């Protein structure tokens, strides 16, 4: 049984992380005038600053030192590479006008997680979970026809789906304090972000602080909303099965759909509604199975 010994705390952390990921448009829309590469770089810088502050405030310096001696650098580098590739493909998709393909990638990731849970972790499925996965795959297939119309090979969606789903897998293989491990992971990306910002500043490009208080606060907030969901998801990944994590990964694209339909006024077709109906029914079955 995949739900055995799964804690309510783990579900709460996983739901909190995915809900915050799903709220990203609310944070990033006001920063639309900022170059995406600068936004990503500031995000990495402020995320690492928040993590270092958290390490100091929670007396984790000793844990950080001991972790540096025991952690496998290859595992940390793999997770950092997955994070970097994940964020890069997200930005590239947005900048090249392939937003729908990016969204499709987030719908693919739960399916990938569920497949991996069977192949790698040998997690067994109940009958309700099997039906839930069948309904979810049906919904994602309908979404594929709606979003992509099969005009081109959706490689961006596949990369994003791979990174998002395998992030949970790699987190299971990196033992240790989640805050400390996350600090090391973002630290790997920090030199690249800092170098880019320094070069951009030398060329007179990028955002100048203390000129717009709202934009400054939002940029700083991107670091916080990066740290919190990754930290919570790390905690959830250690307490939940990949099947449960897979279904939680449907939360961000569902949030994006609701924001697009009811906040930003984007059109919603009947095929999209049908796809979401299948996905919602799958989530209902999975919830019933968990109860």
Protein backbone atom coordinates (compact mmCIF):
# COMPACT_ATOMS: atom_id res chain seq x y z
CA UNK A 1 0.00 0.00 0.00
CA UNK A 2 1.54 3.30 -1.05
CA UNK A 3 -0.34 5.33 1.57
CA UNK A 4 0.92 3.32 4.54
CA UNK A 5 2.70 5.40 7.20
CA UNK A 6 2.20 8.62 5.24
CA UNK A 7 1.69 11.48 7.69
CA UNK A 8 -0.76 14.34 7.55
CA UNK A 9 2.21 16.61 8.12
CA UNK A 10 3.84 15.32 4.94
CA UNK A 11 0.66 15.98 2.95
CA UNK A 12 0.42 19.48 4.47
CA UNK A 13 4.01 20.30 3.50
CA UNK A 14 3.48 18.93 -0.01
CA UNK A 15 0.21 20.79 -0.49
CA UNK A 16 1.72 24.02 0.84
CA UNK A 17 4.66 23.75 -1.56
CA UNK A 18 2.53 23.03 -4.63
CA UNK A 19 -0.01 25.74 -3.78
CA UNK A 20 2.79 28.30 -3.49
CA UNK A 21 4.26 27.13 -6.80
CA UNK A 22 0.80 27.53 -8.32
CA UNK A 23 0.61 31.14 -7.10
CA UNK A 24 3.77 32.20 -8.98
CA UNK A 25 1.87 34.17 -11.68
CA UNK A 26 0.55 36.50 -8.96
CA UNK A 27 4.13 37.31 -7.96
CA UNK A 28 5.78 37.42 -11.38
CA UNK A 29 3.12 39.28 -13.43
CA UNK A 30 4.00 42.65 -11.81
CA UNK A 31 7.67 42.00 -12.75
CA UNK A 32 6.89 41.48 -16.44
CA UNK A 33 8.96 44.50 -17.44
CA UNK A 34 12.13 42.91 -16.04
CA UNK A 35 14.30 40.70 -18.25
CA UNK A 36 13.68 37.03 -17.44
CA UNK A 37 17.38 36.20 -17.02
CA UNK A 38 17.78 39.02 -14.51
CA UNK A 39 14.70 37.80 -12.68
CA UNK A 40 16.09 34.28 -12.42
CA UNK A 41 19.48 35.55 -11.22
CA UNK A 42 17.96 37.76 -8.51
CA UNK A 43 15.77 34.84 -7.52
CA UNK A 44 18.82 32.64 -6.93
CA UNK A 45 20.69 35.38 -5.03
CA UNK A 46 17.84 36.23 -2.66
CA UNK A 47 16.94 32.55 -2.19
CA UNK A 48 20.46 31.82 -1.00
CA UNK A 49 20.46 34.87 1.29
CA UNK A 50 17.20 33.68 2.91
CA UNK A 51 18.62 30.19 3.31
CA UNK A 52 21.82 31.42 4.94
CA UNK A 53 19.77 33.60 7.31
CA UNK A 54 17.62 30.56 8.15
CA UNK A 55 20.73 28.49 8.84
CA UNK A 56 22.03 31.15 11.25
CA UNK A 57 18.70 31.85 12.98
CA UNK A 58 17.94 28.16 13.55
CA UNK A 59 21.47 27.30 14.76
CA UNK A 60 22.23 25.00 11.85
CA UNK A 61 25.84 26.13 11.28
CA UNK A 62 27.19 23.00 12.96
CA UNK A 63 24.86 20.86 10.87
CA UNK A 64 26.08 22.64 7.74
CA UNK A 65 29.70 21.88 8.61
CA UNK A 66 29.02 18.21 9.32
CA UNK A 67 26.92 17.90 6.17
CA UNK A 68 29.76 19.27 4.05
CA UNK A 69 31.90 16.38 5.32
CA UNK A 70 29.34 13.62 4.79
CA UNK A 71 27.15 14.61 1.85
CA UNK A 72 27.91 13.14 -1.56
CA UNK A 73 28.82 16.06 -3.84
CA UNK A 74 27.53 14.18 -6.89
CA UNK A 75 24.01 14.03 -5.42
CA UNK A 76 23.99 17.75 -4.61
CA UNK A 77 25.30 18.60 -8.08
CA UNK A 78 22.61 16.45 -9.71
CA UNK A 79 19.80 18.17 -7.80
CA UNK A 80 21.32 21.61 -8.54
CA UNK A 81 21.57 20.74 -12.23
CA UNK A 82 17.94 19.60 -12.25
CA UNK A 83 16.86 22.83 -10.57
CA UNK A 84 18.92 24.97 -12.95
CA UNK A 85 17.63 23.16 -16.04
CA UNK A 86 14.05 23.27 -14.73
CA UNK A 87 14.14 27.05 -14.18
CA UNK A 88 16.05 27.68 -17.44
CA UNK A 89 13.52 25.78 -19.55
CA UNK A 90 10.67 27.58 -17.80
CA UNK A 91 12.21 30.97 -18.66
CA UNK A 92 13.14 29.92 -22.20
CA UNK A 93 9.58 28.74 -22.84
CA UNK A 94 8.15 32.03 -21.56
CA UNK A 95 10.60 34.17 -23.56
CA UNK A 96 9.96 32.30 -26.82
CA UNK A 97 6.19 32.48 -26.50
CA UNK A 98 5.70 28.79 -25.70
CA UNK A 99 3.81 29.32 -22.45
CA UNK A 100 1.26 26.61 -23.21
CA UNK A 101 4.01 24.06 -23.75
CA UNK A 102 5.50 25.04 -20.38
CA UNK A 103 2.10 24.47 -18.77
CA UNK A 104 1.81 21.11 -20.51
CA UNK A 105 5.15 20.11 -18.98
CA UNK A 106 3.72 20.55 -15.50
CA UNK A 107 0.81 18.30 -16.40
CA UNK A 108 3.23 15.65 -17.69
CA UNK A 109 5.33 15.55 -14.52
CA UNK A 110 2.81 13.75 -12.26
CA UNK A 111 2.42 10.99 -14.84
CA UNK A 112 6.21 10.63 -15.01
CA UNK A 113 6.40 10.46 -11.21
CA UNK A 114 3.82 7.70 -11.07
CA UNK A 115 5.59 5.66 -13.73
CA UNK A 116 8.91 6.10 -11.94
CA UNK A 117 7.31 5.05 -8.64
CA UNK A 118 6.44 1.69 -10.19
CA UNK A 119 9.73 1.20 -12.08
CA UNK A 120 12.28 2.45 -9.53
CA UNK A 121 10.61 2.34 -6.10
CA UNK A 122 8.36 -0.66 -6.85
CA UNK A 123 5.42 1.06 -5.17
CA UNK A 124 2.20 -0.92 -5.48
CA UNK A 125 -1.05 0.59 -6.67
CA UNK A 126 -4.50 0.01 -5.21
CA UNK A 127 -7.43 -0.42 -7.59
CA UNK A 128 -8.61 3.14 -6.88
CA UNK A 129 -5.13 4.52 -7.58
CA UNK A 130 -4.99 2.59 -10.86
CA UNK A 131 -8.30 4.12 -11.96
CA UNK A 132 -7.12 7.54 -10.80
CA UNK A 133 -3.97 7.28 -12.90
CA UNK A 134 -6.02 6.15 -15.92
CA UNK A 135 -8.31 9.19 -15.57
CA UNK A 136 -5.33 11.52 -15.07
CA UNK A 137 -3.61 10.19 -18.20
CA UNK A 138 -6.85 10.71 -20.14
CA UNK A 139 -7.07 14.30 -18.94
CA UNK A 140 -3.43 15.03 -19.78
CA UNK A 141 -3.89 13.50 -23.26
CA UNK A 142 -6.85 15.79 -23.91
CA UNK A 143 -4.78 18.71 -22.66
CA UNK A 144 -2.00 17.75 -25.09
CA UNK A 145 -4.37 18.02 -28.06
CA UNK A 146 -5.72 21.32 -26.77
CA UNK A 147 -2.40 22.99 -25.97
CA UNK A 148 -0.06 21.69 -28.63
CA UNK A 149 -2.25 20.51 -31.52
CA UNK A 150 0.70 18.20 -32.22
CA UNK A 151 2.32 20.84 -34.52
CA UNK A 152 5.82 20.22 -33.17
CA UNK A 153 7.66 17.90 -30.80
CA UNK A 154 7.09 19.25 -27.25
CA UNK A 155 10.67 18.95 -26.03
CA UNK A 156 10.39 21.87 -23.59
CA UNK A 157 7.38 20.22 -21.96
CA UNK A 158 9.23 16.91 -21.69
CA UNK A 159 12.29 18.54 -20.09
CA UNK A 160 10.17 20.46 -17.57
CA UNK A 161 8.12 17.37 -16.80
CA UNK A 162 11.31 15.34 -16.28
CA UNK A 163 12.90 17.96 -14.00
CA UNK A 164 9.78 18.55 -11.91
CA UNK A 165 9.05 14.86 -11.34
CA UNK A 166 12.65 13.71 -10.85
CA UNK A 167 13.33 16.50 -8.36
CA UNK A 168 11.29 14.56 -5.80
CA UNK A 169 13.18 11.36 -6.64
CA UNK A 170 16.59 12.97 -6.22
CA UNK A 171 15.49 14.59 -2.95
CA UNK A 172 14.81 11.09 -1.59
CA UNK A 173 18.43 10.16 -2.37
CA UNK A 174 20.00 13.18 -0.59
CA UNK A 175 19.67 12.53 3.15
CA UNK A 176 20.17 15.24 5.71
CA UNK A 177 18.60 18.42 7.05
CA UNK A 178 16.37 19.89 4.28
CA UNK A 179 17.39 23.50 4.99
CA UNK A 180 21.09 22.70 4.93
CA UNK A 181 20.85 20.53 1.81
CA UNK A 182 18.83 23.19 0.03
CA UNK A 183 21.42 25.81 0.99
CA UNK A 184 24.12 23.71 -0.68
CA UNK A 185 21.99 23.13 -3.78
CA UNK A 186 21.26 26.82 -4.38
CA UNK A 187 24.89 27.67 -3.54
CA UNK A 188 25.96 25.72 -6.63
CA UNK A 189 23.83 28.05 -8.79
CA UNK A 190 24.84 31.24 -6.95
CA UNK A 191 28.19 31.91 -8.73
CA UNK A 192 26.52 31.75 -12.14
CA UNK A 193 23.74 34.12 -11.08
CA UNK A 194 26.15 36.55 -9.42
CA UNK A 195 28.47 36.58 -12.44
CA UNK A 196 25.57 37.32 -14.79
CA UNK A 197 24.35 40.21 -12.62
CA UNK A 198 27.86 41.68 -12.35
CA UNK A 199 28.37 41.55 -16.11
CA UNK A 200 24.93 43.05 -16.73
CA UNK A 201 25.61 45.83 -14.23
CA UNK A 202 28.93 46.62 -15.93
CA UNK A 203 27.07 47.04 -19.22
CA UNK A 204 24.42 49.29 -17.68
CA UNK A 205 21.69 46.67 -17.85
CA UNK A 206 19.38 45.16 -15.27
CA UNK A 207 17.28 46.40 -12.38
CA UNK A 208 18.49 49.30 -10.25
CA UNK A 209 17.44 49.00 -6.63
CA UNK A 210 15.95 51.87 -4.55
CA UNK A 211 14.14 53.27 -7.62
CA UNK A 212 10.89 51.35 -7.23
CA UNK A 213 9.95 50.16 -3.75
CA UNK A 214 7.26 47.77 -4.99
CA UNK A 215 9.56 46.13 -7.54
CA UNK A 216 12.37 45.86 -4.98
CA UNK A 217 10.08 44.09 -2.50
CA UNK A 218 8.77 41.73 -5.18
CA UNK A 219 12.31 40.81 -6.25
CA UNK A 220 13.25 40.09 -2.65
CA UNK A 221 10.04 38.08 -2.26
CA UNK A 222 11.03 35.85 -5.22
CA UNK A 223 13.81 34.50 -3.03
CA UNK A 224 11.40 33.73 -0.19
CA UNK A 225 8.80 32.05 -2.43
CA UNK A 226 11.62 29.99 -3.93
CA UNK A 227 12.94 28.80 -0.57
CA UNK A 228 9.66 27.96 1.16
CA UNK A 229 8.16 25.54 -1.40
CA UNK A 230 11.48 23.78 -2.04
CA UNK A 231 11.98 23.36 1.70
CA UNK A 232 8.42 22.13 2.25
CA UNK A 233 8.63 19.81 -0.76
CA UNK A 234 11.89 18.37 0.57
CA UNK A 235 10.14 17.56 3.86
CA UNK A 236 7.17 16.07 2.01
CA UNK A 237 9.38 13.94 -0.26
CA UNK A 238 10.87 12.20 2.78
CA UNK A 239 7.43 11.34 4.22
CA UNK A 240 5.28 10.57 1.17
CA UNK A 241 5.31 7.99 -1.60
CA UNK A 242 6.06 9.00 -5.19
CA UNK A 243 2.42 8.22 -6.04
CA UNK A 244 1.23 10.84 -3.55
CA UNK A 245 3.87 13.32 -4.67
CA UNK A 246 2.79 12.69 -8.25
CA UNK A 247 -0.80 13.67 -7.55
CA UNK A 248 0.27 16.73 -5.56
CA UNK A 249 2.14 17.86 -8.67
CA UNK A 250 -1.21 18.44 -10.37
CA UNK A 251 -1.87 21.33 -7.96
CA UNK A 252 0.35 24.04 -9.61
CA UNK A 253 -1.06 23.68 -13.16
CA UNK A 254 -4.60 23.54 -11.76
CA UNK A 255 -3.91 26.78 -9.86
CA UNK A 256 -2.50 28.30 -13.06
CA UNK A 257 -5.65 27.26 -14.93
CA UNK A 258 -7.91 28.85 -12.32
CA UNK A 259 -5.87 32.07 -12.30
CA UNK A 260 -5.90 32.23 -16.11
CA UNK A 261 -9.65 31.65 -16.31
CA UNK A 262 -10.94 33.73 -13.40
CA UNK A 263 -8.23 36.34 -12.71
CA UNK A 264 -6.56 37.06 -16.06
CA UNK A 265 -9.62 36.39 -18.24
CA UNK A 266 -8.03 33.90 -20.64
CA UNK A 267 -10.52 31.85 -22.76
CA UNK A 268 -11.33 28.32 -21.60
CA UNK A 269 -12.41 25.84 -24.26
CA UNK A 270 -14.73 22.87 -23.79
CA UNK A 271 -11.77 20.51 -24.36
CA UNK A 272 -9.85 22.16 -21.53
CA UNK A 273 -12.86 21.81 -19.27
CA UNK A 274 -13.15 18.13 -20.17
CA UNK A 275 -9.44 17.58 -19.48
CA UNK A 276 -9.69 19.24 -16.08
CA UNK A 277 -12.82 17.23 -15.26
CA UNK A 278 -10.87 14.00 -15.75
CA UNK A 279 -7.99 15.32 -13.64
CA UNK A 280 -10.30 16.51 -10.84
CA UNK A 281 -12.07 13.14 -10.83
CA UNK A 282 -8.67 11.41 -10.60
CA UNK A 283 -7.75 13.60 -7.63
CA UNK A 284 -11.09 12.79 -5.97
CA UNK A 285 -10.47 9.04 -6.35
CA UNK A 286 -6.95 9.39 -5.00
CA UNK A 287 -8.22 11.39 -2.02
CA UNK A 288 -10.90 8.75 -1.35
CA UNK A 289 -8.22 6.04 -1.47
CA UNK A 290 -6.04 7.97 1.00
CA UNK A 291 -8.96 8.40 3.43
